[in-house]
Amino acid sequence: MWSQKGYRGLVRASGWYDLLVTAAFVTPWSLALLHGALSQLSAGWGLAGELPPFAPMHVLMANLMGSIVCVWSVLRIRDPQVQFGRYDAAGRLLFASWQAYALMQGATELIWGILVMELAWAALQLWPIRAVENSDDQKTINCPA
């Protein structure tokens, strides 16, 4: 069970993780560098699935995703509220669903590492939080107030 302070630290840490992982998706130029590096990594490790070349629409979608995730990350870093952690967990479960779907469709196995991290962060952020109302009374919060 999380303490309020511990959970806020978790929300802030998940924001930092997302910011570091998605920053390269924000611009077409940084995405091109990341795409090249991931393609080489996938080929070097002999992983199944490929990382296809990106058309302009793919780049646009990746840049939009990177931009909104980075803004969402900064919000959680600056103001790590319980409700933000719960919403983030829901978003991570959605991301994990589409990553699993992509893997079933033959996407690169590099996605497994990201999928595992999404599920781990979601599980941590869904864990109950202990809220102290006064010094004699404690209760568990399963949902934001």
N, C-alpha and C. Protein backbone atom coordinates (compact mmCIF):
# COMPACT_ATOMS: atom_id res chain seq x y z
N MET A 1 0.84 -1.16 0.00
CA MET A 1 0.00 0.00 0.00
C MET A 1 0.90 1.24 0.00
N TRP A 2 0.57 2.19 -0.86
CA TRP A 2 1.35 3.42 -0.98
C TRP A 2 0.96 4.43 0.10
N SER A 3 1.93 5.17 0.57
CA SER A 3 1.63 6.37 1.35
C SER A 3 1.33 7.48 0.35
N GLN A 4 0.70 8.54 0.80
CA GLN A 4 0.42 9.69 -0.09
C GLN A 4 1.72 10.23 -0.68
N LYS A 5 2.71 10.42 0.17
CA LYS A 5 4.00 10.97 -0.28
C LYS A 5 4.69 10.02 -1.25
N GLY A 6 4.68 8.73 -0.94
CA GLY A 6 5.30 7.75 -1.81
C GLY A 6 4.62 7.69 -3.17
N TYR A 7 3.30 7.78 -3.17
CA TYR A 7 2.56 7.72 -4.43
C TYR A 7 2.85 8.95 -5.28
N ARG A 8 2.93 10.11 -4.65
CA ARG A 8 3.27 11.34 -5.39
C ARG A 8 4.67 11.20 -6.01
N GLY A 9 5.59 10.59 -5.28
CA GLY A 9 6.93 10.34 -5.84
C GLY A 9 6.87 9.39 -7.03
N LEU A 10 6.00 8.39 -6.94
CA LEU A 10 5.81 7.46 -8.05
C LEU A 10 5.27 8.17 -9.29
N VAL A 11 4.26 9.03 -9.09
CA VAL A 11 3.68 9.77 -10.22
C VAL A 11 4.74 10.66 -10.86
N ARG A 12 5.55 11.31 -10.04
CA ARG A 12 6.63 12.16 -10.56
C ARG A 12 7.65 11.29 -11.32
N ALA A 13 8.03 10.15 -10.77
CA ALA A 13 9.00 9.26 -11.44
C ALA A 13 8.46 8.76 -12.77
N SER A 14 7.16 8.44 -12.83
CA SER A 14 6.59 7.97 -14.10
C SER A 14 6.60 9.09 -15.13
N GLY A 15 6.44 10.33 -14.66
CA GLY A 15 6.54 11.48 -15.57
C GLY A 15 7.93 11.61 -16.14
N TRP A 16 8.96 11.47 -15.30
CA TRP A 16 10.34 11.53 -15.78
C TRP A 16 10.64 10.40 -16.76
N TYR A 17 10.18 9.20 -16.43
CA TYR A 17 10.38 8.06 -17.33
C TYR A 17 9.77 8.36 -18.71
N ASP A 18 8.52 8.80 -18.72
CA ASP A 18 7.86 9.08 -20.00
C ASP A 18 8.57 10.19 -20.77
N LEU A 19 9.00 11.22 -20.06
CA LEU A 19 9.69 12.33 -20.73
C LEU A 19 10.97 11.84 -21.40
N LEU A 20 11.74 11.02 -20.70
CA LEU A 20 12.99 10.50 -21.27
C LEU A 20 12.74 9.55 -22.44
N VAL A 21 11.72 8.72 -22.32
CA VAL A 21 11.44 7.72 -23.35
C VAL A 21 10.81 8.34 -24.60
N THR A 22 10.02 9.40 -24.44
CA THR A 22 9.30 9.93 -25.60
C THR A 22 9.86 11.22 -26.17
N ALA A 23 10.84 11.83 -25.55
CA ALA A 23 11.37 13.11 -26.03
C ALA A 23 11.81 13.03 -27.50
N ALA A 24 12.38 11.92 -27.91
CA ALA A 24 12.86 11.80 -29.30
C ALA A 24 11.71 11.72 -30.31
N PHE A 25 10.49 11.50 -29.87
CA PHE A 25 9.35 11.44 -30.78
C PHE A 25 8.80 12.83 -31.13
N VAL A 26 9.25 13.87 -30.44
CA VAL A 26 8.65 15.19 -30.56
C VAL A 26 8.91 15.86 -31.90
N THR A 27 10.09 15.70 -32.49
CA THR A 27 10.39 16.36 -33.76
C THR A 27 10.67 15.33 -34.86
N PRO A 28 10.45 15.70 -36.11
CA PRO A 28 10.76 14.77 -37.21
C PRO A 28 12.24 14.38 -37.24
N TRP A 29 13.12 15.29 -36.85
CA TRP A 29 14.56 15.06 -36.92
C TRP A 29 15.02 14.11 -35.82
N SER A 30 14.54 14.31 -34.61
CA SER A 30 14.91 13.41 -33.52
C SER A 30 14.27 12.03 -33.73
N LEU A 31 13.07 12.00 -34.30
CA LEU A 31 12.42 10.73 -34.60
C LEU A 31 13.21 9.95 -35.65
N ALA A 32 13.74 10.65 -36.65
CA ALA A 32 14.54 9.97 -37.69
C ALA A 32 15.79 9.33 -37.08
N LEU A 33 16.43 10.02 -36.14
CA LEU A 33 17.60 9.45 -35.47
C LEU A 33 17.22 8.24 -34.63
N LEU A 34 16.11 8.36 -33.89
CA LEU A 34 15.64 7.25 -33.07
C LEU A 34 15.26 6.06 -33.94
N HIS A 35 14.55 6.31 -35.02
CA HIS A 35 14.12 5.24 -35.93
C HIS A 35 15.33 4.49 -36.48
N GLY A 36 16.36 5.23 -36.89
CA GLY A 36 17.58 4.60 -37.39
C GLY A 36 18.26 3.74 -36.34
N ALA A 37 18.34 4.27 -35.12
CA ALA A 37 18.99 3.53 -34.03
C ALA A 37 18.20 2.27 -33.68
N LEU A 38 16.88 2.39 -33.62
CA LEU A 38 16.06 1.22 -33.30
C LEU A 38 16.09 0.18 -34.41
N SER A 39 16.14 0.62 -35.65
CA SER A 39 16.24 -0.31 -36.78
C SER A 39 17.55 -1.10 -36.71
N GLN A 40 18.63 -0.41 -36.41
CA GLN A 40 19.93 -1.08 -36.28
C GLN A 40 19.93 -2.04 -35.10
N LEU A 41 19.36 -1.63 -34.01
CA LEU A 41 19.28 -2.48 -32.82
C LEU A 41 18.48 -3.74 -33.11
N SER A 42 17.35 -3.59 -33.74
CA SER A 42 16.49 -4.72 -34.07
C SER A 42 17.21 -5.69 -35.01
N ALA A 43 17.86 -5.16 -36.02
CA ALA A 43 18.59 -6.00 -36.97
C ALA A 43 19.79 -6.66 -36.30
N GLY A 44 20.49 -5.91 -35.47
CA GLY A 44 21.67 -6.43 -34.77
C GLY A 44 21.33 -7.56 -33.81
N TRP A 45 20.19 -7.46 -33.18
CA TRP A 45 19.75 -8.50 -32.25
C TRP A 45 19.02 -9.63 -32.95
N GLY A 46 18.74 -9.47 -34.24
CA GLY A 46 18.04 -10.50 -34.99
C GLY A 46 16.61 -10.70 -34.52
N LEU A 47 15.95 -9.63 -34.13
CA LEU A 47 14.58 -9.74 -33.63
C LEU A 47 13.59 -9.92 -34.76
N ALA A 48 12.53 -10.65 -34.48
CA ALA A 48 11.46 -10.82 -35.46
C ALA A 48 10.70 -9.52 -35.60
N GLY A 49 10.08 -9.34 -36.74
CA GLY A 49 9.33 -8.12 -37.01
C GLY A 49 10.27 -7.03 -37.47
N GLU A 50 9.72 -6.11 -38.22
CA GLU A 50 10.59 -5.04 -38.72
C GLU A 50 10.07 -3.69 -38.30
N LEU A 51 10.95 -2.74 -38.36
CA LEU A 51 10.58 -1.36 -38.13
C LEU A 51 10.56 -0.71 -39.51
N PRO A 52 9.38 -0.61 -40.13
CA PRO A 52 9.31 -0.13 -41.51
C PRO A 52 9.68 1.33 -41.63
N PRO A 53 10.05 1.74 -42.84
CA PRO A 53 10.31 3.18 -43.04
C PRO A 53 9.03 3.98 -42.77
N PHE A 54 9.19 5.17 -42.27
CA PHE A 54 8.03 5.99 -41.95
C PHE A 54 7.69 6.91 -43.11
N ALA A 55 6.41 6.94 -43.46
CA ALA A 55 5.88 7.91 -44.42
C ALA A 55 5.57 9.20 -43.64
N PRO A 56 5.33 10.30 -44.33
CA PRO A 56 5.04 11.55 -43.62
C PRO A 56 3.89 11.45 -42.60
N MET A 57 2.85 10.68 -42.89
CA MET A 57 1.75 10.54 -41.93
C MET A 57 2.18 9.80 -40.66
N HIS A 58 3.06 8.79 -40.82
CA HIS A 58 3.59 8.08 -39.65
C HIS A 58 4.38 9.04 -38.76
N VAL A 59 5.19 9.86 -39.41
CA VAL A 59 6.00 10.83 -38.66
C VAL A 59 5.08 11.81 -37.92
N LEU A 60 4.05 12.29 -38.59
CA LEU A 60 3.11 13.20 -37.95
C LEU A 60 2.48 12.56 -36.72
N MET A 61 1.99 11.34 -36.86
CA MET A 61 1.35 10.66 -35.72
C MET A 61 2.34 10.45 -34.57
N ALA A 62 3.56 10.06 -34.89
CA ALA A 62 4.58 9.87 -33.85
C ALA A 62 4.90 11.20 -33.17
N ASN A 63 5.01 12.28 -33.95
CA ASN A 63 5.31 13.60 -33.37
C ASN A 63 4.16 14.09 -32.50
N LEU A 64 2.92 13.87 -32.91
CA LEU A 64 1.78 14.26 -32.09
C LEU A 64 1.77 13.49 -30.78
N MET A 65 1.99 12.17 -30.86
CA MET A 65 2.03 11.34 -29.66
C MET A 65 3.16 11.80 -28.74
N GLY A 66 4.34 12.02 -29.30
CA GLY A 66 5.47 12.46 -28.49
C GLY A 66 5.22 13.80 -27.82
N SER A 67 4.60 14.71 -28.56
CA SER A 67 4.33 16.04 -28.01
C SER A 67 3.36 15.98 -26.83
N ILE A 68 2.26 15.27 -26.99
CA ILE A 68 1.27 15.24 -25.92
C ILE A 68 1.77 14.44 -24.71
N VAL A 69 2.52 13.39 -24.96
CA VAL A 69 3.06 12.62 -23.84
C VAL A 69 4.09 13.45 -23.07
N CYS A 70 4.89 14.24 -23.77
CA CYS A 70 5.86 15.08 -23.07
C CYS A 70 5.17 16.17 -22.25
N VAL A 71 4.11 16.76 -22.77
CA VAL A 71 3.36 17.76 -22.00
C VAL A 71 2.74 17.10 -20.76
N TRP A 72 2.13 15.93 -20.95
CA TRP A 72 1.53 15.18 -19.85
C TRP A 72 2.61 14.80 -18.82
N SER A 73 3.79 14.48 -19.28
CA SER A 73 4.89 14.13 -18.38
C SER A 73 5.29 15.31 -17.51
N VAL A 74 5.45 16.47 -18.13
CA VAL A 74 5.84 17.66 -17.38
C VAL A 74 4.78 18.02 -16.34
N LEU A 75 3.51 17.87 -16.69
CA LEU A 75 2.44 18.13 -15.72
C LEU A 75 2.60 17.23 -14.49
N ARG A 76 2.87 15.93 -14.71
CA ARG A 76 3.01 15.00 -13.58
C ARG A 76 4.28 15.24 -12.78
N ILE A 77 5.32 15.72 -13.44
CA ILE A 77 6.56 16.05 -12.73
C ILE A 77 6.33 17.27 -11.84
N ARG A 78 5.67 18.28 -12.36
CA ARG A 78 5.45 19.53 -11.62
C ARG A 78 4.35 19.43 -10.57
N ASP A 79 3.33 18.59 -10.82
CA ASP A 79 2.18 18.51 -9.92
C ASP A 79 1.70 17.06 -9.83
N PRO A 80 2.42 16.22 -9.09
CA PRO A 80 2.13 14.78 -9.07
C PRO A 80 0.92 14.42 -8.19
N GLN A 81 -0.26 14.66 -8.71
CA GLN A 81 -1.49 14.37 -7.97
C GLN A 81 -1.89 12.90 -8.09
N VAL A 82 -2.61 12.42 -7.09
CA VAL A 82 -3.11 11.05 -7.11
C VAL A 82 -3.97 10.81 -8.35
N GLN A 83 -4.88 11.73 -8.64
CA GLN A 83 -5.77 11.53 -9.78
C GLN A 83 -4.99 11.45 -11.09
N PHE A 84 -3.88 12.18 -11.20
CA PHE A 84 -3.06 12.10 -12.41
C PHE A 84 -2.43 10.71 -12.54
N GLY A 85 -2.02 10.14 -11.40
CA GLY A 85 -1.46 8.78 -11.44
C GLY A 85 -2.49 7.75 -11.88
N ARG A 86 -3.72 7.92 -11.42
CA ARG A 86 -4.78 6.98 -11.81
C ARG A 86 -5.10 7.12 -13.31
N TYR A 87 -5.20 8.35 -13.79
CA TYR A 87 -5.43 8.54 -15.23
C TYR A 87 -4.25 8.02 -16.05
N ASP A 88 -3.05 8.23 -15.55
CA ASP A 88 -1.87 7.73 -16.26
C ASP A 88 -1.89 6.21 -16.35
N ALA A 89 -2.31 5.56 -15.28
CA ALA A 89 -2.41 4.09 -15.30
C ALA A 89 -3.41 3.64 -16.37
N ALA A 90 -4.54 4.33 -16.48
CA ALA A 90 -5.52 3.99 -17.51
C ALA A 90 -4.92 4.17 -18.90
N GLY A 91 -4.20 5.27 -19.09
CA GLY A 91 -3.54 5.50 -20.38
C GLY A 91 -2.52 4.43 -20.69
N ARG A 92 -1.78 4.00 -19.69
CA ARG A 92 -0.77 2.95 -19.89
C ARG A 92 -1.42 1.63 -20.28
N LEU A 93 -2.59 1.33 -19.70
CA LEU A 93 -3.28 0.10 -20.08
C LEU A 93 -3.76 0.18 -21.53
N LEU A 94 -4.19 1.36 -21.96
CA LEU A 94 -4.55 1.53 -23.37
C LEU A 94 -3.33 1.37 -24.27
N PHE A 95 -2.23 2.03 -23.91
CA PHE A 95 -1.00 1.90 -24.70
C PHE A 95 -0.58 0.43 -24.78
N ALA A 96 -0.62 -0.26 -23.64
CA ALA A 96 -0.22 -1.67 -23.60
C ALA A 96 -1.12 -2.52 -24.50
N SER A 97 -2.41 -2.21 -24.54
CA SER A 97 -3.33 -2.95 -25.41
C SER A 97 -2.93 -2.82 -26.87
N TRP A 98 -2.61 -1.60 -27.28
CA TRP A 98 -2.26 -1.39 -28.70
C TRP A 98 -0.87 -1.92 -29.00
N GLN A 99 0.01 -1.92 -28.02
CA GLN A 99 1.33 -2.53 -28.23
C GLN A 99 1.20 -4.04 -28.39
N ALA A 100 0.36 -4.67 -27.58
CA ALA A 100 0.13 -6.11 -27.70
C ALA A 100 -0.50 -6.43 -29.05
N TYR A 101 -1.44 -5.61 -29.47
CA TYR A 101 -2.07 -5.79 -30.78
C TYR A 101 -1.02 -5.70 -31.89
N ALA A 102 -0.15 -4.70 -31.80
CA ALA A 102 0.90 -4.54 -32.82
C ALA A 102 1.82 -5.76 -32.85
N LEU A 103 2.16 -6.28 -31.69
CA LEU A 103 3.00 -7.49 -31.64
C LEU A 103 2.30 -8.67 -32.31
N MET A 104 0.99 -8.80 -32.10
CA MET A 104 0.24 -9.89 -32.74
C MET A 104 0.17 -9.72 -34.25
N GLN A 105 0.35 -8.48 -34.71
CA GLN A 105 0.30 -8.21 -36.15
C GLN A 105 1.69 -8.27 -36.79
N GLY A 106 2.70 -8.65 -36.03
CA GLY A 106 4.04 -8.82 -36.58
C GLY A 106 4.99 -7.64 -36.40
N ALA A 107 4.65 -6.71 -35.53
CA ALA A 107 5.54 -5.57 -35.27
C ALA A 107 6.84 -6.05 -34.63
N THR A 108 7.85 -5.21 -34.67
CA THR A 108 9.15 -5.56 -34.11
C THR A 108 9.05 -5.98 -32.64
N GLU A 109 9.84 -6.96 -32.29
CA GLU A 109 9.86 -7.46 -30.91
C GLU A 109 10.46 -6.45 -29.93
N LEU A 110 11.00 -5.36 -30.42
CA LEU A 110 11.48 -4.30 -29.53
C LEU A 110 10.34 -3.78 -28.65
N ILE A 111 9.12 -3.92 -29.14
CA ILE A 111 7.95 -3.42 -28.40
C ILE A 111 7.78 -4.17 -27.08
N TRP A 112 8.27 -5.40 -26.98
CA TRP A 112 8.11 -6.16 -25.73
C TRP A 112 8.66 -5.40 -24.53
N GLY A 113 9.83 -4.79 -24.69
CA GLY A 113 10.42 -4.06 -23.57
C GLY A 113 9.55 -2.91 -23.11
N ILE A 114 8.98 -2.18 -24.06
CA ILE A 114 8.11 -1.05 -23.74
C ILE A 114 6.81 -1.56 -23.12
N LEU A 115 6.27 -2.63 -23.66
CA LEU A 115 5.02 -3.21 -23.15
C LEU A 115 5.18 -3.63 -21.68
N VAL A 116 6.27 -4.28 -21.36
CA VAL A 116 6.52 -4.70 -19.98
C VAL A 116 6.59 -3.49 -19.05
N MET A 117 7.26 -2.44 -19.49
CA MET A 117 7.37 -1.23 -18.67
C MET A 117 6.01 -0.56 -18.48
N GLU A 118 5.20 -0.51 -19.54
CA GLU A 118 3.86 0.09 -19.42
C GLU A 118 3.02 -0.66 -18.39
N LEU A 119 3.06 -1.98 -18.45
CA LEU A 119 2.28 -2.78 -17.50
C LEU A 119 2.80 -2.63 -16.07
N ALA A 120 4.11 -2.54 -15.92
CA ALA A 120 4.69 -2.36 -14.58
C ALA A 120 4.28 -1.01 -13.99
N TRP A 121 4.41 0.07 -14.76
CA TRP A 121 4.01 1.39 -14.28
C TRP A 121 2.52 1.41 -13.96
N ALA A 122 1.68 0.79 -14.82
CA ALA A 122 0.24 0.76 -14.57
C ALA A 122 -0.07 0.04 -13.26
N ALA A 123 0.56 -1.10 -13.05
CA ALA A 123 0.31 -1.86 -11.82
C ALA A 123 0.70 -1.04 -10.59
N LEU A 124 1.86 -0.40 -10.64
CA LEU A 124 2.31 0.42 -9.51
C LEU A 124 1.35 1.57 -9.23
N GLN A 125 0.84 2.20 -10.29
CA GLN A 125 -0.03 3.37 -10.12
C GLN A 125 -1.47 2.99 -9.76
N LEU A 126 -1.81 1.73 -9.93
CA LEU A 126 -3.15 1.28 -9.54
C LEU A 126 -3.18 0.71 -8.12
N TRP A 127 -2.01 0.55 -7.52
CA TRP A 127 -1.93 0.01 -6.17
C TRP A 127 -2.62 0.95 -5.19
N PRO A 128 -3.30 0.42 -4.17
CA PRO A 128 -4.03 1.27 -3.21
C PRO A 128 -3.11 2.25 -2.48
N ILE A 129 -3.71 3.34 -2.06
CA ILE A 129 -3.00 4.40 -1.35
C ILE A 129 -3.59 4.56 0.03
N ARG A 130 -2.72 4.66 1.01
CA ARG A 130 -3.14 4.87 2.39
C ARG A 130 -3.28 6.39 2.61
N ALA A 131 -4.43 6.80 3.07
CA ALA A 131 -4.65 8.22 3.36
C ALA A 131 -4.91 8.35 4.86
N VAL A 132 -4.23 9.27 5.47
CA VAL A 132 -4.41 9.50 6.90
C VAL A 132 -5.32 10.71 7.06
N GLU A 133 -6.52 10.47 7.63
CA GLU A 133 -7.46 11.56 7.86
C GLU A 133 -7.13 12.29 9.16
N ASN A 134 -6.75 11.53 10.17
CA ASN A 134 -6.22 12.12 11.41
C ASN A 134 -5.28 11.09 12.01
N SER A 135 -4.67 11.43 13.12
CA SER A 135 -3.64 10.56 13.67
C SER A 135 -4.16 9.20 14.14
N ASP A 136 -5.46 9.09 14.41
CA ASP A 136 -6.01 7.84 14.92
C ASP A 136 -6.74 7.01 13.85
N ASP A 137 -7.00 7.61 12.71
CA ASP A 137 -7.86 6.95 11.71
C ASP A 137 -7.13 6.85 10.37
N GLN A 138 -7.05 5.65 9.83
CA GLN A 138 -6.47 5.45 8.51
C GLN A 138 -7.46 4.72 7.64
N LYS A 139 -7.46 5.06 6.37
CA LYS A 139 -8.31 4.34 5.43
C LYS A 139 -7.55 4.18 4.12
N THR A 140 -8.07 3.30 3.27
CA THR A 140 -7.46 3.04 1.98
C THR A 140 -8.22 3.76 0.89
N ILE A 141 -7.49 4.38 0.00
CA ILE A 141 -8.10 5.04 -1.16
C ILE A 141 -7.81 4.18 -2.37
N ASN A 142 -8.84 3.71 -3.04
CA ASN A 142 -8.66 2.94 -4.26
C ASN A 142 -8.90 3.77 -5.50
N CYS A 143 -9.57 4.89 -5.37
CA CYS A 143 -9.87 5.77 -6.49
C CYS A 143 -9.64 7.21 -6.02
N PRO A 144 -9.34 8.11 -6.96
CA PRO A 144 -9.18 9.52 -6.53
C PRO A 144 -10.51 10.08 -6.04
N ALA A 145 -10.40 11.00 -5.12
CA ALA A 145 -11.62 11.62 -4.56
C ALA A 145 -12.23 12.60 -5.52
